[in-house]
């Protein structure tokens, strides 16, 4: 079972260079503009993963009453999933989901 350390921080996205504000209702784990994340955690919020590669959004999957972004690390190729956030760019989500259905 994964241990969850709630850590809601702002950051500068290393993919699109935009300033990302904290989420304020959960932990911010990806950029709401380009949807990229960073491979920093072993367990959510622990910041103990030595990889530090960029996590590229590659797919969208339905999860209960919401959706998850499926990522693949550009450095180590590991895959991860994160639930979408309320402020995520829906055009980017649609672009990723339709890219995989073509």
PDB file of N, CA and C in Angstrom:
ATOM      1  N   UNK A   1       0.838  -1.185   0.000  1.00  0.00           N
ATOM      2  CA  UNK A   1       0.000   0.000   0.000  1.00  0.00           C
ATOM      3  C   UNK A   1       0.884   1.249   0.000  1.00  0.00           C
ATOM      4  N   UNK A   2       0.544   2.193  -0.870  1.00  0.00           N
ATOM      5  CA  UNK A   2       1.325   3.420  -0.964  1.00  0.00           C
ATOM      6  C   UNK A   2       1.021   4.344   0.201  1.00  0.00           C
ATOM      7  N   UNK A   3       2.052   4.925   0.748  1.00  0.00           N
ATOM      8  CA  UNK A   3       1.880   5.953   1.770  1.00  0.00           C
ATOM      9  C   UNK A   3       1.748   7.282   1.037  1.00  0.00           C
ATOM     10  N   UNK A   4       0.838   8.119   1.487  1.00  0.00           N
ATOM     11  CA  UNK A   4       0.578   9.386   0.824  1.00  0.00           C
ATOM     12  C   UNK A   4       0.950  10.540   1.742  1.00  0.00           C
ATOM     13  N   UNK A   5       1.926  11.322   1.335  1.00  0.00           N
ATOM     14  CA  UNK A   5       2.345  12.503   2.065  1.00  0.00           C
ATOM     15  C   UNK A   5       1.823  13.707   1.286  1.00  0.00           C
ATOM     16  N   UNK A   6       0.772  14.353   1.784  1.00  0.00           N
ATOM     17  CA  UNK A   6       0.194  15.479   1.056  1.00  0.00           C
ATOM     18  C   UNK A   6       1.181  16.635   1.025  1.00  0.00           C
ATOM     19  N   UNK A   7       1.574  17.010  -0.178  1.00  0.00           N
ATOM     20  CA  UNK A   7       2.547  18.056  -0.388  1.00  0.00           C
ATOM     21  C   UNK A   7       2.052  18.911  -1.556  1.00  0.00           C
ATOM     22  N   UNK A   8       1.518  20.076  -1.249  1.00  0.00           N
ATOM     23  CA  UNK A   8       0.922  20.951  -2.264  1.00  0.00           C
ATOM     24  C   UNK A   8       1.816  22.164  -2.459  1.00  0.00           C
ATOM     25  N   UNK A   9       2.696  22.067  -3.459  1.00  0.00           N
ATOM     26  CA  UNK A   9       3.661  23.139  -3.697  1.00  0.00           C
ATOM     27  C   UNK A   9       3.486  23.708  -5.101  1.00  0.00           C
ATOM     28  N   UNK A  10       3.829  24.978  -5.253  1.00  0.00           N
ATOM     29  CA  UNK A  10       3.931  25.562  -6.571  1.00  0.00           C
ATOM     30  C   UNK A  10       5.309  25.259  -7.139  1.00  0.00           C
ATOM     31  N   UNK A  11       5.465  25.409  -8.455  1.00  0.00           N
ATOM     32  CA  UNK A  11       6.754  25.155  -9.103  1.00  0.00           C
ATOM     33  C   UNK A  11       6.760  25.771 -10.498  1.00  0.00           C
ATOM     34  N   UNK A  12       7.919  25.812 -11.109  1.00  0.00           N
ATOM     35  CA  UNK A  12       8.052  26.202 -12.506  1.00  0.00           C
ATOM     36  C   UNK A  12       8.150  24.905 -13.304  1.00  0.00           C
ATOM     37  N   UNK A  13       7.257  24.729 -14.272  1.00  0.00           N
ATOM     38  CA  UNK A  13       7.243  23.508 -15.071  1.00  0.00           C
ATOM     39  C   UNK A  13       8.523  23.427 -15.904  1.00  0.00           C
ATOM     40  N   UNK A  14       9.189  22.290 -15.822  1.00  0.00           N
ATOM     41  CA  UNK A  14      10.429  22.100 -16.573  1.00  0.00           C
ATOM     42  C   UNK A  14      10.180  21.795 -18.050  1.00  0.00           C
ATOM     43  N   UNK A  15       8.920  21.540 -18.418  1.00  0.00           N
ATOM     44  CA  UNK A  15       8.611  21.285 -19.826  1.00  0.00           C
ATOM     45  C   UNK A  15       8.175  22.556 -20.544  1.00  0.00           C
ATOM     46  N   UNK A  16       7.222  23.300 -19.976  1.00  0.00           N
ATOM     47  CA  UNK A  16       6.690  24.498 -20.652  1.00  0.00           C
ATOM     48  C   UNK A  16       7.145  25.808 -20.015  1.00  0.00           C
ATOM     49  N   UNK A  17       7.855  25.720 -18.887  1.00  0.00           N
ATOM     50  CA  UNK A  17       8.401  26.875 -18.159  1.00  0.00           C
ATOM     51  C   UNK A  17       7.349  27.817 -17.565  1.00  0.00           C
ATOM     52  N   UNK A  18       6.107  27.371 -17.436  1.00  0.00           N
ATOM     53  CA  UNK A  18       5.077  28.209 -16.822  1.00  0.00           C
ATOM     54  C   UNK A  18       5.095  28.054 -15.308  1.00  0.00           C
ATOM     55  N   UNK A  19       4.685  29.113 -14.627  1.00  0.00           N
ATOM     56  CA  UNK A  19       4.565  29.060 -13.173  1.00  0.00           C
ATOM     57  C   UNK A  19       3.287  28.315 -12.808  1.00  0.00           C
ATOM     58  N   UNK A  20       3.418  27.330 -11.935  1.00  0.00           N
ATOM     59  CA  UNK A  20       2.297  26.506 -11.499  1.00  0.00           C
ATOM     60  C   UNK A  20       2.042  26.790 -10.026  1.00  0.00           C
ATOM     61  N   UNK A  21       0.830  27.199  -9.715  1.00  0.00           N
ATOM     62  CA  UNK A  21       0.440  27.513  -8.334  1.00  0.00           C
ATOM     63  C   UNK A  21       0.038  26.232  -7.594  1.00  0.00           C
ATOM     64  N   UNK A  22       0.083  26.252  -6.252  1.00  0.00           N
ATOM     65  CA  UNK A  22      -0.432  25.107  -5.490  1.00  0.00           C
ATOM     66  C   UNK A  22      -1.896  24.842  -5.845  1.00  0.00           C
ATOM     67  N   UNK A  23      -2.345  23.634  -5.624  1.00  0.00           N
ATOM     68  CA  UNK A  23      -3.706  23.224  -5.975  1.00  0.00           C
ATOM     69  C   UNK A  23      -4.724  23.655  -4.918  1.00  0.00           C
ATOM     70  N   UNK A  24      -4.345  23.675  -3.668  1.00  0.00           N
ATOM     71  CA  UNK A  24      -5.147  24.111  -2.520  1.00  0.00           C
ATOM     72  C   UNK A  24      -6.248  23.155  -2.076  1.00  0.00           C
ATOM     73  N   UNK A  25      -6.555  22.086  -2.823  1.00  0.00           N
ATOM     74  CA  UNK A  25      -7.538  21.111  -2.339  1.00  0.00           C
ATOM     75  C   UNK A  25      -6.963  19.703  -2.298  1.00  0.00           C
ATOM     76  N   UNK A  26      -5.770  19.526  -2.835  1.00  0.00           N
ATOM     77  CA  UNK A  26      -5.064  18.252  -2.828  1.00  0.00           C
ATOM     78  C   UNK A  26      -3.603  18.558  -3.144  1.00  0.00           C
ATOM     79  N   UNK A  27      -2.817  17.557  -3.443  1.00  0.00           N
ATOM     80  CA  UNK A  27      -1.410  17.780  -3.767  1.00  0.00           C
ATOM     81  C   UNK A  27      -1.230  18.054  -5.256  1.00  0.00           C
ATOM     82  N   UNK A  28      -0.511  19.107  -5.578  1.00  0.00           N
ATOM     83  CA  UNK A  28      -0.200  19.426  -6.973  1.00  0.00           C
ATOM     84  C   UNK A  28       0.881  18.457  -7.437  1.00  0.00           C
ATOM     85  N   UNK A  29       0.599  17.679  -8.478  1.00  0.00           N
ATOM     86  CA  UNK A  29       1.590  16.702  -8.935  1.00  0.00           C
ATOM     87  C   UNK A  29       1.913  16.798 -10.420  1.00  0.00           C
ATOM     88  N   UNK A  30       1.327  17.781 -11.121  1.00  0.00           N
ATOM     89  CA  UNK A  30       1.652  17.967 -12.532  1.00  0.00           C
ATOM     90  C   UNK A  30       1.256  19.374 -12.973  1.00  0.00           C
ATOM     91  N   UNK A  31       1.770  19.766 -14.131  1.00  0.00           N
ATOM     92  CA  UNK A  31       1.481  21.084 -14.685  1.00  0.00           C
ATOM     93  C   UNK A  31       0.080  21.094 -15.301  1.00  0.00           C
ATOM     94  N   UNK A  32      -0.778  22.056 -14.954  1.00  0.00           N
ATOM     95  CA  UNK A  32      -2.123  22.096 -15.521  1.00  0.00           C
ATOM     96  C   UNK A  32      -2.149  22.592 -16.968  1.00  0.00           C
ATOM     97  N   UNK A  33      -1.041  23.142 -17.446  1.00  0.00           N
ATOM     98  CA  UNK A  33      -0.981  23.700 -18.809  1.00  0.00           C
ATOM     99  C   UNK A  33      -0.570  22.649 -19.837  1.00  0.00           C
ATOM    100  N   UNK A  34       0.557  21.988 -19.610  1.00  0.00           N
ATOM    101  CA  UNK A  34       1.051  20.986 -20.569  1.00  0.00           C
ATOM    102  C   UNK A  34       0.855  19.554 -20.065  1.00  0.00           C
ATOM    103  N   UNK A  35       0.452  19.410 -18.792  1.00  0.00           N
ATOM    104  CA  UNK A  35       0.162  18.142 -18.117  1.00  0.00           C
ATOM    105  C   UNK A  35       1.398  17.303 -17.776  1.00  0.00           C
ATOM    106  N   UNK A  36       2.586  17.799 -18.050  1.00  0.00           N
ATOM    107  CA  UNK A  36       3.805  17.077 -17.679  1.00  0.00           C
ATOM    108  C   UNK A  36       3.963  17.050 -16.164  1.00  0.00           C
ATOM    109  N   UNK A  37       4.674  16.037 -15.693  1.00  0.00           N
ATOM    110  CA  UNK A  37       4.992  15.899 -14.285  1.00  0.00           C
ATOM    111  C   UNK A  37       6.494  15.616 -14.182  1.00  0.00           C
ATOM    112  N   UNK A  38       6.957  15.386 -12.974  1.00  0.00           N
ATOM    113  CA  UNK A  38       8.370  15.067 -12.777  1.00  0.00           C
ATOM    114  C   UNK A  38       8.471  13.835 -11.892  1.00  0.00           C
ATOM    115  N   UNK A  39       9.373  12.945 -12.227  1.00  0.00           N
ATOM    116  CA  UNK A  39       9.541  11.669 -11.534  1.00  0.00           C
ATOM    117  C   UNK A  39      10.338  11.880 -10.248  1.00  0.00           C
ATOM    118  N   UNK A  40       9.669  12.388  -9.225  1.00  0.00           N
ATOM    119  CA  UNK A  40      10.348  12.749  -7.981  1.00  0.00           C
ATOM    120  C   UNK A  40       9.977  11.873  -6.786  1.00  0.00           C
ATOM    121  N   UNK A  41       8.874  11.137  -6.877  1.00  0.00           N
ATOM    122  CA  UNK A  41       8.387  10.374  -5.717  1.00  0.00           C
ATOM    123  C   UNK A  41       8.523   8.872  -5.902  1.00  0.00           C
ATOM    124  N   UNK A  42       8.802   8.195  -4.790  1.00  0.00           N
ATOM    125  CA  UNK A  42       8.664   6.744  -4.728  1.00  0.00           C
ATOM    126  C   UNK A  42       7.257   6.462  -4.221  1.00  0.00           C
ATOM    127  N   UNK A  43       6.918   7.041  -3.073  1.00  0.00           N
ATOM    128  CA  UNK A  43       5.545   7.064  -2.568  1.00  0.00           C
ATOM    129  C   UNK A  43       5.063   8.509  -2.692  1.00  0.00           C
ATOM    130  N   UNK A  44       3.775   8.719  -2.986  1.00  0.00           N
ATOM    131  CA  UNK A  44       3.284  10.078  -3.243  1.00  0.00           C
ATOM    132  C   UNK A  44       3.717  11.101  -2.193  1.00  0.00           C
ATOM    133  N   UNK A  45       4.392  12.149  -2.664  1.00  0.00           N
ATOM    134  CA  UNK A  45       4.791  13.257  -1.810  1.00  0.00           C
ATOM    135  C   UNK A  45       6.110  13.098  -1.076  1.00  0.00           C
ATOM    136  N   UNK A  46       6.810  11.960  -1.248  1.00  0.00           N
ATOM    137  CA  UNK A  46       8.029  11.774  -0.454  1.00  0.00           C
ATOM    138  C   UNK A  46       9.281  12.417  -1.075  1.00  0.00           C
ATOM    139  N   UNK A  47       9.260  12.712  -2.365  1.00  0.00           N
ATOM    140  CA  UNK A  47      10.376  13.362  -3.084  1.00  0.00           C
ATOM    141  C   UNK A  47      11.682  12.582  -2.953  1.00  0.00           C
ATOM    142  N   UNK A  48      11.602  11.237  -2.863  1.00  0.00           N
ATOM    143  CA  UNK A  48      12.780  10.400  -2.660  1.00  0.00           C
ATOM    144  C   UNK A  48      13.261   9.667  -3.910  1.00  0.00           C
ATOM    145  N   UNK A  49      12.611   9.850  -5.046  1.00  0.00           N
ATOM    146  CA  UNK A  49      13.038   9.138  -6.242  1.00  0.00           C
ATOM    147  C   UNK A  49      14.255   9.826  -6.852  1.00  0.00           C
ATOM    148  N   UNK A  50      15.360   9.103  -7.040  1.00  0.00           N
ATOM    149  CA  UNK A  50      16.564   9.712  -7.591  1.00  0.00           C
ATOM    150  C   UNK A  50      16.477   9.992  -9.097  1.00  0.00           C
ATOM    151  N   UNK A  51      15.485   9.469  -9.794  1.00  0.00           N
ATOM    152  CA  UNK A  51      15.396   9.598 -11.252  1.00  0.00           C
ATOM    153  C   UNK A  51      15.302  11.061 -11.704  1.00  0.00           C
ATOM    154  N   UNK A  52      14.289  11.774 -11.235  1.00  0.00           N
ATOM    155  CA  UNK A  52      14.053  13.196 -11.548  1.00  0.00           C
ATOM    156  C   UNK A  52      13.808  13.468 -13.038  1.00  0.00           C
ATOM    157  N   UNK A  53      13.464  12.423 -13.823  1.00  0.00           N
ATOM    158  CA  UNK A  53      13.141  12.607 -15.231  1.00  0.00           C
ATOM    159  C   UNK A  53      11.779  13.257 -15.402  1.00  0.00           C
ATOM    160  N   UNK A  54      11.507  13.785 -16.599  1.00  0.00           N
ATOM    161  CA  UNK A  54      10.191  14.345 -16.893  1.00  0.00           C
ATOM    162  C   UNK A  54       9.230  13.216 -17.214  1.00  0.00           C
ATOM    163  N   UNK A  55       8.015  13.334 -16.671  1.00  0.00           N
ATOM    164  CA  UNK A  55       6.959  12.361 -16.934  1.00  0.00           C
ATOM    165  C   UNK A  55       6.069  12.924 -18.030  1.00  0.00           C
ATOM    166  N   UNK A  56       6.106  12.305 -19.190  1.00  0.00           N
ATOM    167  CA  UNK A  56       5.333  12.752 -20.349  1.00  0.00           C
ATOM    168  C   UNK A  56       3.935  12.145 -20.295  1.00  0.00           C
ATOM    169  N   UNK A  57       2.883  12.976 -20.462  1.00  0.00           N
ATOM    170  CA  UNK A  57       1.521  12.427 -20.498  1.00  0.00           C
ATOM    171  C   UNK A  57       1.307  11.684 -21.819  1.00  0.00           C
ATOM    172  N   UNK A  58       0.956  10.401 -21.736  1.00  0.00           N
ATOM    173  CA  UNK A  58       0.834   9.598 -22.957  1.00  0.00           C
ATOM    174  C   UNK A  58      -0.569   9.060 -23.201  1.00  0.00           C
ATOM    175  N   UNK A  59      -1.392   8.959 -22.151  1.00  0.00           N
ATOM    176  CA  UNK A  59      -2.753   8.434 -22.287  1.00  0.00           C
ATOM    177  C   UNK A  59      -3.645   9.031 -21.210  1.00  0.00           C
ATOM    178  N   UNK A  60      -4.944   8.918 -21.438  1.00  0.00           N
ATOM    179  CA  UNK A  60      -5.955   9.295 -20.446  1.00  0.00           C
ATOM    180  C   UNK A  60      -6.835   8.068 -20.241  1.00  0.00           C
ATOM    181  N   UNK A  61      -7.125   7.748 -18.985  1.00  0.00           N
ATOM    182  CA  UNK A  61      -8.019   6.621 -18.727  1.00  0.00           C
ATOM    183  C   UNK A  61      -9.121   7.033 -17.763  1.00  0.00           C
ATOM    184  N   UNK A  62     -10.301   6.429 -17.932  1.00  0.00           N
ATOM    185  CA  UNK A  62     -11.427   6.670 -17.037  1.00  0.00           C
ATOM    186  C   UNK A  62     -11.128   6.022 -15.698  1.00  0.00           C
ATOM    187  N   UNK A  63     -11.415   6.738 -14.610  1.00  0.00           N
ATOM    188  CA  UNK A  63     -11.195   6.209 -13.263  1.00  0.00           C
ATOM    189  C   UNK A  63     -12.359   6.651 -12.387  1.00  0.00           C
ATOM    190  N   UNK A  64     -13.252   5.726 -12.062  1.00  0.00           N
ATOM    191  CA  UNK A  64     -14.447   6.022 -11.270  1.00  0.00           C
ATOM    192  C   UNK A  64     -15.216   7.162 -11.922  1.00  0.00           C
ATOM    193  N   UNK A  65     -15.365   8.293 -11.242  1.00  0.00           N
ATOM    194  CA  UNK A  65     -16.126   9.407 -11.825  1.00  0.00           C
ATOM    195  C   UNK A  65     -15.218  10.519 -12.346  1.00  0.00           C
ATOM    196  N   UNK A  66     -13.948  10.186 -12.584  1.00  0.00           N
ATOM    197  CA  UNK A  66     -12.997  11.169 -13.106  1.00  0.00           C
ATOM    198  C   UNK A  66     -12.068  10.478 -14.101  1.00  0.00           C
ATOM    199  N   UNK A  67     -10.938  11.078 -14.353  1.00  0.00           N
ATOM    200  CA  UNK A  67      -9.958  10.518 -15.295  1.00  0.00           C
ATOM    201  C   UNK A  67      -8.564  10.568 -14.688  1.00  0.00           C
ATOM    202  N   UNK A  68      -7.700   9.695 -15.190  1.00  0.00           N
ATOM    203  CA  UNK A  68      -6.300   9.683 -14.784  1.00  0.00           C
ATOM    204  C   UNK A  68      -5.430   9.931 -16.005  1.00  0.00           C
ATOM    205  N   UNK A  69      -4.330  10.636 -15.771  1.00  0.00           N
ATOM    206  CA  UNK A  69      -3.318  10.829 -16.801  1.00  0.00           C
ATOM    207  C   UNK A  69      -2.287   9.723 -16.610  1.00  0.00           C
ATOM    208  N   UNK A  70      -1.970   9.021 -17.680  1.00  0.00           N
ATOM    209  CA  UNK A  70      -0.925   8.001 -17.639  1.00  0.00           C
ATOM    210  C   UNK A  70       0.340   8.643 -18.189  1.00  0.00           C
ATOM    211  N   UNK A  71       1.406   8.525 -17.420  1.00  0.00           N
ATOM    212  CA  UNK A  71       2.690   9.117 -17.762  1.00  0.00           C
ATOM    213  C   UNK A  71       3.719   8.046 -18.057  1.00  0.00           C
ATOM    214  N   UNK A  72       4.701   8.413 -18.896  1.00  0.00           N
ATOM    215  CA  UNK A  72       5.886   7.589 -19.053  1.00  0.00           C
ATOM    216  C   UNK A  72       7.096   8.481 -18.846  1.00  0.00           C
ATOM    217  N   UNK A  73       7.990   8.041 -17.984  1.00  0.00           N
ATOM    218  CA  UNK A  73       9.195   8.807 -17.694  1.00  0.00           C
ATOM    219  C   UNK A  73      10.100   8.813 -18.922  1.00  0.00           C
ATOM    220  N   UNK A  74      10.539   9.990 -19.311  1.00  0.00           N
ATOM    221  CA  UNK A  74      11.417  10.116 -20.473  1.00  0.00           C
ATOM    222  C   UNK A  74      12.837   9.641 -20.170  1.00  0.00           C
ATOM    223  N   UNK A  75      13.160   9.466 -18.899  1.00  0.00           N
ATOM    224  CA  UNK A  75      14.510   9.047 -18.506  1.00  0.00           C
ATOM    225  C   UNK A  75      14.588   7.535 -18.258  1.00  0.00           C
ATOM    226  N   UNK A  76      13.727   7.017 -17.383  1.00  0.00           N
ATOM    227  CA  UNK A  76      13.802   5.602 -17.007  1.00  0.00           C
ATOM    228  C   UNK A  76      12.696   4.743 -17.625  1.00  0.00           C
ATOM    229  N   UNK A  77      11.727   5.368 -18.312  1.00  0.00           N
ATOM    230  CA  UNK A  77      10.619   4.713 -19.019  1.00  0.00           C
ATOM    231  C   UNK A  77       9.548   4.094 -18.122  1.00  0.00           C
ATOM    232  N   UNK A  78       9.647   4.277 -16.807  1.00  0.00           N
ATOM    233  CA  UNK A  78       8.615   3.798 -15.893  1.00  0.00           C
ATOM    234  C   UNK A  78       7.300   4.526 -16.178  1.00  0.00           C
ATOM    235  N   UNK A  79       6.177   3.854 -15.926  1.00  0.00           N
ATOM    236  CA  UNK A  79       4.857   4.478 -16.114  1.00  0.00           C
ATOM    237  C   UNK A  79       4.220   4.765 -14.759  1.00  0.00           C
ATOM    238  N   UNK A  80       3.464   5.873 -14.720  1.00  0.00           N
ATOM    239  CA  UNK A  80       2.755   6.298 -13.512  1.00  0.00           C
ATOM    240  C   UNK A  80       1.401   6.863 -13.897  1.00  0.00           C
ATOM    241  N   UNK A  81       0.503   6.965 -12.909  1.00  0.00           N
ATOM    242  CA  UNK A  81      -0.824   7.538 -13.129  1.00  0.00           C
ATOM    243  C   UNK A  81      -1.095   8.601 -12.075  1.00  0.00           C
ATOM    244  N   UNK A  82      -1.757   9.679 -12.504  1.00  0.00           N
ATOM    245  CA  UNK A  82      -2.211  10.724 -11.589  1.00  0.00           C
ATOM    246  C   UNK A  82      -3.617  11.142 -11.983  1.00  0.00           C
ATOM    247  N   UNK A  83      -4.441  11.419 -11.003  1.00  0.00           N
ATOM    248  CA  UNK A  83      -5.799  11.911 -11.267  1.00  0.00           C
ATOM    249  C   UNK A  83      -5.703  13.330 -11.808  1.00  0.00           C
ATOM    250  N   UNK A  84      -6.558  13.647 -12.798  1.00  0.00           N
ATOM    251  CA  UNK A  84      -6.560  15.005 -13.333  1.00  0.00           C
ATOM    252  C   UNK A  84      -6.989  15.995 -12.253  1.00  0.00           C
ATOM    253  N   UNK A  85      -6.565  17.232 -12.398  1.00  0.00           N
ATOM    254  CA  UNK A  85      -6.923  18.295 -11.463  1.00  0.00           C
ATOM    255  C   UNK A  85      -8.014  19.156 -12.089  1.00  0.00           C
ATOM    256  N   UNK A  86      -8.751  19.862 -11.244  1.00  0.00           N
ATOM    257  CA  UNK A  86      -9.865  20.701 -11.714  1.00  0.00           C
ATOM    258  C   UNK A  86      -9.420  21.780 -12.687  1.00  0.00           C
ATOM    259  N   UNK A  87      -8.170  22.244 -12.552  1.00  0.00           N
ATOM    260  CA  UNK A  87      -7.703  23.339 -13.412  1.00  0.00           C
ATOM    261  C   UNK A  87      -6.861  22.865 -14.601  1.00  0.00           C
ATOM    262  N   UNK A  88      -6.838  21.555 -14.862  1.00  0.00           N
ATOM    263  CA  UNK A  88      -6.086  21.051 -16.017  1.00  0.00           C
ATOM    264  C   UNK A  88      -6.698  21.546 -17.324  1.00  0.00           C
ATOM    265  N   UNK A  89      -5.844  21.792 -18.300  1.00  0.00           N
ATOM    266  CA  UNK A  89      -6.264  22.265 -19.613  1.00  0.00           C
ATOM    267  C   UNK A  89      -7.002  21.129 -20.336  1.00  0.00           C
ATOM    268  N   UNK A  90      -8.321  21.294 -20.489  1.00  0.00           N
ATOM    269  CA  UNK A  90      -9.135  20.241 -21.113  1.00  0.00           C
ATOM    270  C   UNK A  90      -8.750  20.000 -22.561  1.00  0.00           C
ATOM    271  N   UNK A  91      -8.284  21.015 -23.261  1.00  0.00           N
ATOM    272  CA  UNK A  91      -7.846  20.822 -24.646  1.00  0.00           C
ATOM    273  C   UNK A  91      -6.650  19.876 -24.708  1.00  0.00           C
ATOM    274  N   UNK A  92      -5.730  19.990 -23.734  1.00  0.00           N
ATOM    275  CA  UNK A  92      -4.587  19.076 -23.672  1.00  0.00           C
ATOM    276  C   UNK A  92      -5.046  17.654 -23.343  1.00  0.00           C
ATOM    277  N   UNK A  93      -5.997  17.524 -22.424  1.00  0.00           N
ATOM    278  CA  UNK A  93      -6.530  16.210 -22.064  1.00  0.00           C
ATOM    279  C   UNK A  93      -7.180  15.560 -23.278  1.00  0.00           C
ATOM    280  N   UNK A  94      -7.976  16.328 -24.003  1.00  0.00           N
ATOM    281  CA  UNK A  94      -8.638  15.796 -25.215  1.00  0.00           C
ATOM    282  C   UNK A  94      -7.600  15.430 -26.268  1.00  0.00           C
ATOM    283  N   UNK A  95      -6.595  16.274 -26.445  1.00  0.00           N
ATOM    284  CA  UNK A  95      -5.544  16.003 -27.435  1.00  0.00           C
ATOM    285  C   UNK A  95      -4.845  14.675 -27.142  1.00  0.00           C
ATOM    286  N   UNK A  96      -4.532  14.432 -25.869  1.00  0.00           N
ATOM    287  CA  UNK A  96      -3.861  13.179 -25.488  1.00  0.00           C
ATOM    288  C   UNK A  96      -4.800  11.996 -25.674  1.00  0.00           C
ATOM    289  N   UNK A  97      -6.060  12.144 -25.272  1.00  0.00           N
ATOM    290  CA  UNK A  97      -6.997  11.016 -25.360  1.00  0.00           C
ATOM    291  C   UNK A  97      -7.343  10.684 -26.809  1.00  0.00           C
ATOM    292  N   UNK A  98      -7.431  11.670 -27.681  1.00  0.00           N
ATOM    293  CA  UNK A  98      -7.769  11.389 -29.085  1.00  0.00           C
ATOM    294  C   UNK A  98      -6.552  10.895 -29.855  1.00  0.00           C
ATOM    295  N   UNK A  99      -5.360  11.292 -29.453  1.00  0.00           N
ATOM    296  CA  UNK A  99      -4.133  10.834 -30.115  1.00  0.00           C
ATOM    297  C   UNK A  99      -4.028   9.314 -30.033  1.00  0.00           C
ATOM    298  N   UNK A 100      -4.475   8.750 -28.928  1.00  0.00           N
ATOM    299  CA  UNK A 100      -4.366   7.306 -28.727  1.00  0.00           C
ATOM    300  C   UNK A 100      -5.519   6.530 -29.356  1.00  0.00           C
ATOM    301  N   UNK A 101      -6.543   7.231 -29.825  1.00  0.00           N
ATOM    302  CA  UNK A 101      -7.681   6.561 -30.454  1.00  0.00           C
ATOM    303  C   UNK A 101      -7.654   6.648 -31.975  1.00  0.00           C
ATOM    304  N   UNK A 102      -6.552   7.124 -32.530  1.00  0.00           N
ATOM    305  CA  UNK A 102      -6.461   7.257 -33.995  1.00  0.00           C
ATOM    306  C   UNK A 102      -5.828   6.045 -34.616  1.00  0.00           C
TER     307      UNK A 102
END
